Amino acid sequence: MSNVPSRERSRSSDVPEGQDAPKPTYAYLGPEGTFSEAALRAMAPEARGLPCVNIPAAMEAVRSGEAEAAVVPLENSLEGAITVTLDEFAWGEHLLITGELLLPVQFSLLAREGMELGDIKRVVSHPAAITQCRNFLARELPDAVVIPAASTAGAARDVSEPGSPFDAAIADPIAAEVYGLVEVAKNIGDRKDTVTRFVRVERPGPLPEPTGADRTSVVAFLKDDHPGALLEMLHEFSVRGINLTRIESRPTRDGIGRYFFHFDCEGHIAEARVGDALAGLHRICAEVRFLGSYPRADAVQPKIKPGTSDEAFAEAAEWLRRMRAGQV
């Protein structure tokens, strides 16, 4: 399946013959050289990147029409959910997820040309990157002062500036290319298998077609807080044999102990069991916000429980029609 959503492909088909189609604009968490830009390059290499100051700004660029889509982080295998992204989906003007990417996270120690490991006394990076590289720092730079920054790319940019007080930055390797730095050390993270899941978001429109290896995301708000409320929501999925791949609770902002829930499940809303589960969820919740059905980045296909295939739902519906018509 193409990385370019069907809505963008249809617009491109209207370009006069002989003229190149304009590049779509994709917003991302800037500045240049972030992991978000690396994800954008992987998901949409044909797109023009629009760096934004934060994740809400990137998603707002899509809502306003400044960008056709945004690529934003949703969860990390070490740190868990990116809560600012979850909340933006729940409270902001509606956007849909149309694709995802699993990006391996690799950190490099970047410095100006001519710097060697023994010369480095002051290191700057985002706190999460510092945490994920603490074994390297303790082993290779035990006497270095480590200073937190707003982003890994911003740290690399700071190191590149003339007269910078910093000797090196921990950042994505692409930041070396962007800011003219060199990699003093590569792949310095404590865990070599760290992955961040990024999603592509767009304004509401036609959904990606089912592929047989899809994921569906929703946000559900309880009608009221009562014993078994969460169990009732989970039952809508389990009774139809639908596997949940992620569940997160977030505060409703109405007081301590009040939460709403993010769900990711296997399957596509076009499939009977998934559509039926979401309809059931809608019946028992105050609100269900559908965030999209889209191809899974890992291409894992769900195991269909007996009695929950589209054919089984169609057969049951036909049986019910006959019974209601007295055709016993």
Protein backbone atom coordinates (compact mmCIF):
# COMPACT_ATOMS: atom_id res chain seq x y z
CA MET A 1 0.00 0.00 0.00
CA SER A 2 1.29 3.46 -0.85
CA ASN A 3 2.50 5.71 1.96
CA VAL A 4 0.44 8.51 0.39
CA PRO A 5 -3.20 8.43 1.58
CA SER A 6 -5.92 8.00 -1.05
CA ARG A 7 -7.14 11.57 -0.51
CA GLU A 8 -3.71 12.92 -1.51
CA ARG A 9 -3.41 10.57 -4.49
CA SER A 10 -6.77 11.75 -5.81
CA ARG A 11 -5.68 15.38 -5.59
CA SER A 12 -2.44 14.54 -7.42
CA SER A 13 -4.42 13.05 -10.31
CA ASP A 14 -5.86 16.52 -11.04
CA VAL A 15 -2.42 17.99 -11.86
CA PRO A 16 -2.18 19.08 -15.53
CA GLU A 17 -0.21 16.74 -17.78
CA GLY A 18 3.49 17.60 -17.89
CA GLN A 19 3.55 19.23 -14.47
CA ASP A 20 4.92 17.63 -11.32
CA ALA A 21 2.43 17.08 -8.51
CA PRO A 22 3.04 19.38 -5.55
CA LYS A 23 4.67 17.69 -2.59
CA PRO A 24 2.30 17.11 0.33
CA THR A 25 3.20 18.92 3.55
CA TYR A 26 3.63 16.80 6.68
CA ALA A 27 3.93 18.42 10.11
CA TYR A 28 6.18 16.92 12.78
CA LEU A 29 7.74 17.70 16.15
CA GLY A 30 10.75 19.89 15.38
CA PRO A 31 13.28 21.26 15.12
CA GLU A 32 14.94 19.53 12.17
CA GLY A 33 16.88 16.43 13.10
CA THR A 34 14.39 14.88 15.57
CA PHE A 35 13.27 11.27 15.68
CA SER A 36 9.93 12.58 14.42
CA GLU A 37 11.62 13.84 11.26
CA ALA A 38 13.30 10.45 10.84
CA ALA A 39 9.85 8.83 11.11
CA LEU A 40 8.45 11.27 8.55
CA ARG A 41 11.26 10.46 6.11
CA ALA A 42 10.48 6.76 6.48
CA MET A 43 6.70 7.10 6.18
CA ALA A 44 6.49 9.77 3.48
CA PRO A 45 9.84 10.38 1.77
CA GLU A 46 8.08 12.41 -0.91
CA ALA A 47 6.61 14.90 1.60
CA ARG A 48 7.80 18.37 2.54
CA GLY A 49 8.42 18.53 6.28
CA LEU A 50 6.93 21.26 8.46
CA PRO A 51 8.73 21.36 11.85
CA CYS A 52 6.51 22.46 14.75
CA VAL A 53 7.30 23.53 18.30
CA ASN A 54 5.36 20.68 19.93
CA ILE A 55 3.01 17.79 19.19
CA PRO A 56 -0.24 19.80 19.61
CA ALA A 57 1.09 22.37 17.13
CA ALA A 58 1.86 19.62 14.60
CA MET A 59 -1.68 18.23 14.90
CA GLU A 60 -3.18 21.72 14.77
CA ALA A 61 -1.34 22.31 11.48
CA VAL A 62 -3.40 19.46 10.03
CA ARG A 63 -6.67 20.79 11.44
CA SER A 64 -6.01 24.25 10.02
CA GLY A 65 -5.07 22.92 6.58
CA GLU A 66 -1.48 24.13 6.81
CA ALA A 67 -0.41 20.49 6.44
CA GLU A 68 -2.07 17.51 4.78
CA ALA A 69 -0.90 15.19 7.56
CA ALA A 70 1.27 14.98 10.66
CA VAL A 71 3.60 12.27 11.92
CA VAL A 72 3.54 12.12 15.73
CA PRO A 73 4.84 9.66 18.36
CA LEU A 74 2.22 7.59 20.18
CA GLU A 75 4.17 5.17 22.37
CA ASN A 76 7.69 4.00 23.18
CA SER A 77 8.76 0.50 24.16
CA LEU A 78 10.68 1.84 27.19
CA GLU A 79 8.80 4.96 28.26
CA GLY A 80 5.25 3.86 27.38
CA ALA A 81 2.52 6.14 26.04
CA ILE A 82 3.16 9.68 24.83
CA THR A 83 0.44 11.26 26.93
CA VAL A 84 0.38 14.62 25.14
CA THR A 85 -0.52 12.77 21.92
CA LEU A 86 -3.23 10.73 23.65
CA ASP A 87 -4.80 13.85 25.11
CA GLU A 88 -4.68 15.70 21.81
CA PHE A 89 -6.64 12.88 20.18
CA ALA A 90 -9.18 12.91 22.99
CA TRP A 91 -9.76 16.65 23.42
CA GLY A 92 -8.73 18.29 20.16
CA GLU A 93 -10.78 18.66 17.00
CA HIS A 94 -11.24 15.24 15.44
CA LEU A 95 -8.36 13.70 13.47
CA LEU A 96 -7.93 10.17 12.12
CA ILE A 97 -4.94 7.83 12.21
CA THR A 98 -4.27 6.53 8.69
CA GLY A 99 -0.96 4.72 9.15
CA GLU A 100 1.74 3.75 11.63
CA LEU A 101 5.48 3.11 11.76
CA LEU A 102 7.69 1.29 14.26
CA LEU A 103 10.93 3.28 14.35
CA PRO A 104 14.02 1.75 16.00
CA VAL A 105 15.51 4.36 18.35
CA GLN A 106 19.26 4.77 17.99
CA PHE A 107 21.24 7.44 19.82
CA SER A 108 24.59 8.83 18.74
CA LEU A 109 27.05 11.11 20.49
CA LEU A 110 27.46 14.07 18.14
CA ALA A 111 30.19 16.71 18.29
CA ARG A 112 31.90 19.30 16.14
CA GLU A 113 34.55 18.26 13.65
CA GLY A 114 37.85 17.41 15.34
CA MET A 115 36.39 16.54 18.76
CA GLU A 116 37.30 13.17 20.24
CA LEU A 117 35.71 11.26 23.09
CA GLY A 118 38.41 12.32 25.55
CA ASP A 119 37.78 16.00 24.76
CA ILE A 120 34.12 15.93 25.78
CA LYS A 121 33.36 17.54 29.15
CA ARG A 122 29.81 18.91 28.69
CA VAL A 123 27.02 16.84 27.09
CA VAL A 124 23.53 18.12 26.33
CA SER A 125 20.35 16.20 25.40
CA HIS A 126 16.69 15.59 26.19
CA PRO A 127 16.18 13.99 29.65
CA ALA A 128 14.66 10.83 28.13
CA ALA A 129 17.71 10.37 25.91
CA ILE A 130 20.04 10.95 28.84
CA THR A 131 18.20 8.28 30.83
CA GLN A 132 18.36 5.79 27.96
CA CYS A 133 22.13 6.34 27.56
CA ARG A 134 23.19 6.45 31.20
CA ASN A 135 25.31 3.29 31.04
CA PHE A 136 27.36 4.72 28.17
CA LEU A 137 27.76 8.04 29.98
CA ALA A 138 28.86 6.32 33.20
CA ARG A 139 31.32 4.08 31.38
CA GLU A 140 32.78 6.42 28.75
CA LEU A 141 32.21 9.93 30.16
CA PRO A 142 32.08 9.51 33.96
CA ASP A 143 33.37 13.04 34.61
CA ALA A 144 31.29 14.86 32.01
CA VAL A 145 28.60 17.33 33.04
CA VAL A 146 25.25 16.34 31.48
CA ILE A 147 22.76 19.14 30.82
CA PRO A 148 19.06 18.61 29.91
CA ALA A 149 17.58 20.22 26.80
CA ALA A 150 14.09 20.60 25.32
CA SER A 151 14.82 18.12 22.49
CA THR A 152 17.63 15.97 21.13
CA ALA A 153 17.65 17.94 17.87
CA GLY A 154 17.74 21.23 19.75
CA ALA A 155 20.71 19.90 21.69
CA ALA A 156 22.52 19.07 18.46
CA ARG A 157 21.74 22.52 17.10
CA ASP A 158 23.14 24.12 20.26
CA VAL A 159 26.39 22.16 19.94
CA SER A 160 26.78 23.28 16.33
CA GLU A 161 26.57 27.00 17.12
CA PRO A 162 29.83 29.00 17.21
CA GLY A 163 31.05 29.51 20.76
CA SER A 164 28.73 26.83 22.11
CA PRO A 165 29.31 25.96 25.78
CA PHE A 166 28.52 22.31 24.97
CA ASP A 167 30.97 19.76 23.59
CA ALA A 168 28.55 17.08 22.42
CA ALA A 169 24.89 16.14 22.13
CA ILE A 170 23.05 12.84 22.34
CA ALA A 171 20.67 12.75 19.37
CA ASP A 172 19.33 10.84 16.39
CA PRO A 173 22.06 10.25 13.79
CA ILE A 174 20.16 12.41 11.25
CA ALA A 175 20.88 15.45 13.44
CA ALA A 176 24.57 15.12 12.48
CA GLU A 177 23.58 15.57 8.84
CA VAL A 178 21.27 18.49 9.59
CA TYR A 179 23.66 20.44 11.85
CA GLY A 180 27.05 19.55 10.38
CA LEU A 181 28.26 17.42 13.29
CA VAL A 182 30.16 14.13 13.39
CA GLU A 183 29.32 10.90 15.20
CA VAL A 184 31.89 10.40 17.95
CA ALA A 185 30.06 7.25 19.09
CA LYS A 186 27.18 5.33 17.52
CA ASN A 187 24.26 3.35 18.93
CA ILE A 188 25.00 4.31 22.54
CA GLY A 189 21.59 3.51 24.04
CA ASP A 190 21.45 1.05 26.92
CA ARG A 191 18.82 -1.01 25.07
CA LYS A 192 19.45 -1.82 21.42
CA ASP A 193 15.85 -2.90 20.76
CA THR A 194 14.05 0.31 21.75
CA VAL A 195 11.23 1.21 19.36
CA THR A 196 8.90 4.20 19.09
CA ARG A 197 5.53 3.83 17.41
CA PHE A 198 4.64 6.81 15.23
CA VAL A 199 1.27 7.43 13.60
CA ARG A 200 0.23 9.47 10.60
CA VAL A 201 -2.84 11.65 11.28
CA GLU A 202 -5.10 13.40 8.81
CA ARG A 203 -8.39 15.23 8.70
CA PRO A 204 -11.45 12.92 8.63
CA GLY A 205 -12.08 11.28 5.28
CA PRO A 206 -12.16 7.86 3.59
CA LEU A 207 -10.43 5.17 5.64
CA PRO A 208 -7.59 2.97 4.38
CA GLU A 209 -8.99 -0.26 2.94
CA PRO A 210 -8.79 -3.40 5.13
CA THR A 211 -5.62 -5.40 4.57
CA GLY A 212 -6.23 -8.35 6.88
CA ALA A 213 -3.51 -7.04 9.23
CA ASP A 214 -5.04 -3.87 10.64
CA ARG A 215 -5.40 -1.94 13.88
CA THR A 216 -8.31 0.15 15.15
CA SER A 217 -8.02 2.93 17.74
CA VAL A 218 -10.78 4.51 19.83
CA VAL A 219 -11.26 6.69 22.90
CA ALA A 220 -14.10 5.77 25.26
CA PHE A 221 -15.68 7.89 28.01
CA LEU A 222 -17.69 6.24 30.77
CA LYS A 223 -21.32 7.29 31.33
CA ASP A 224 -20.79 7.00 35.08
CA ASP A 225 -18.32 5.50 37.52
CA HIS A 226 -19.70 2.21 38.87
CA PRO A 227 -18.32 -1.22 39.82
CA GLY A 228 -17.42 -3.20 36.71
CA ALA A 229 -17.57 -0.24 34.30
CA LEU A 230 -14.20 -1.04 32.72
CA LEU A 231 -15.05 -4.75 32.65
CA GLU A 232 -18.21 -3.94 30.68
CA MET A 233 -16.14 -2.14 28.04
CA LEU A 234 -13.58 -4.95 27.84
CA HIS A 235 -16.42 -7.46 27.48
CA GLU A 236 -17.50 -5.84 24.21
CA PHE A 237 -14.14 -6.83 22.74
CA SER A 238 -13.58 -10.19 24.42
CA VAL A 239 -16.98 -11.70 23.62
CA ARG A 240 -16.26 -11.08 19.92
CA GLY A 241 -12.77 -12.54 20.08
CA ILE A 242 -10.99 -9.22 19.54
CA ASN A 243 -7.50 -8.84 20.97
CA LEU A 244 -6.59 -5.50 22.55
CA THR A 245 -3.04 -4.42 21.70
CA ARG A 246 -3.01 -1.36 23.98
CA ILE A 247 -5.15 0.14 26.74
CA GLU A 248 -4.40 3.43 28.53
CA SER A 249 -6.35 5.38 31.12
CA ARG A 250 -6.22 9.18 31.18
CA PRO A 251 -7.82 11.67 33.60
CA THR A 252 -11.04 13.34 32.44
CA ARG A 253 -9.95 16.63 34.12
CA ASP A 254 -13.16 16.54 36.19
CA GLY A 255 -11.52 15.49 39.46
CA ILE A 256 -9.36 12.84 41.08
CA GLY A 257 -10.28 9.26 40.18
CA ARG A 258 -12.17 10.06 36.97
CA TYR A 259 -10.73 8.55 33.80
CA PHE A 260 -11.39 7.82 30.15
CA PHE A 261 -9.72 5.08 28.11
CA HIS A 262 -7.70 4.69 24.91
CA PHE A 263 -8.01 1.31 23.18
CA ASP A 264 -6.09 -0.20 20.28
CA CYS A 265 -7.47 -3.48 18.98
CA GLU A 266 -6.75 -5.89 16.17
CA GLY A 267 -8.89 -5.60 13.06
CA HIS A 268 -10.66 -3.01 10.91
CA ILE A 269 -13.98 -1.29 11.53
CA ALA A 270 -15.18 -2.68 8.18
CA GLU A 271 -15.00 -6.18 9.70
CA ALA A 272 -18.23 -7.35 11.33
CA ARG A 273 -16.78 -8.30 14.71
CA VAL A 274 -14.93 -4.98 15.11
CA GLY A 275 -17.86 -2.87 13.94
CA ASP A 276 -20.19 -4.77 16.25
CA ALA A 277 -17.83 -4.29 19.22
CA LEU A 278 -17.59 -0.54 18.62
CA ALA A 279 -21.38 -0.30 18.30
CA GLY A 280 -21.67 -2.15 21.61
CA LEU A 281 -19.16 0.22 23.17
CA HIS A 282 -21.18 3.15 21.88
CA ARG A 283 -24.31 1.82 23.59
CA ILE A 284 -22.74 1.71 27.05
CA CYS A 285 -20.43 4.75 26.95
CA ALA A 286 -21.11 8.46 27.20
CA GLU A 287 -18.95 9.00 24.10
CA VAL A 288 -16.78 6.91 21.80
CA ARG A 289 -14.32 8.77 19.61
CA PHE A 290 -13.21 6.69 16.63
CA LEU A 291 -9.54 7.39 15.80
CA GLY A 292 -9.20 5.21 12.73
CA SER A 293 -8.58 1.77 11.24
CA TYR A 294 -5.26 1.40 9.43
CA PRO A 295 -2.61 -1.17 8.43
CA ARG A 296 -0.40 -2.49 11.20
CA ALA A 297 3.27 -1.67 10.79
CA ASP A 298 4.27 -5.21 11.85
CA ALA A 299 1.72 -6.80 9.45
CA VAL A 300 0.56 -9.24 12.17
CA GLN A 301 -2.76 -10.85 11.26
CA PRO A 302 -5.28 -11.57 14.02
CA LYS A 303 -6.39 -15.07 14.94
CA ILE A 304 -10.12 -15.23 14.22
CA LYS A 305 -12.01 -16.95 17.03
CA PRO A 306 -14.63 -19.48 15.83
CA GLY A 307 -18.00 -17.79 15.44
CA THR A 308 -16.59 -14.27 15.00
CA SER A 309 -15.73 -14.19 11.27
CA ASP A 310 -17.65 -11.93 8.88
CA GLU A 311 -19.28 -15.05 7.46
CA ALA A 312 -20.47 -16.13 10.92
CA PHE A 313 -21.99 -12.69 11.57
CA ALA A 314 -23.71 -12.73 8.17
CA GLU A 315 -25.10 -16.22 8.78
CA ALA A 316 -26.40 -15.21 12.21
CA ALA A 317 -28.07 -12.11 10.76
CA GLU A 318 -29.76 -14.20 8.07
CA TRP A 319 -30.94 -16.70 10.68
CA LEU A 320 -32.43 -13.88 12.76
CA ARG A 321 -34.18 -12.46 9.68
CA ARG A 322 -35.79 -15.82 8.98
CA MET A 323 -36.89 -16.27 12.59
CA ARG A 324 -38.47 -12.80 12.68
CA ALA A 325 -40.30 -13.65 9.45
CA GLY A 326 -41.62 -16.86 10.97
CA GLN A 327 -39.58 -19.00 8.57
CA VAL A 328 -38.69 -21.57 11.20
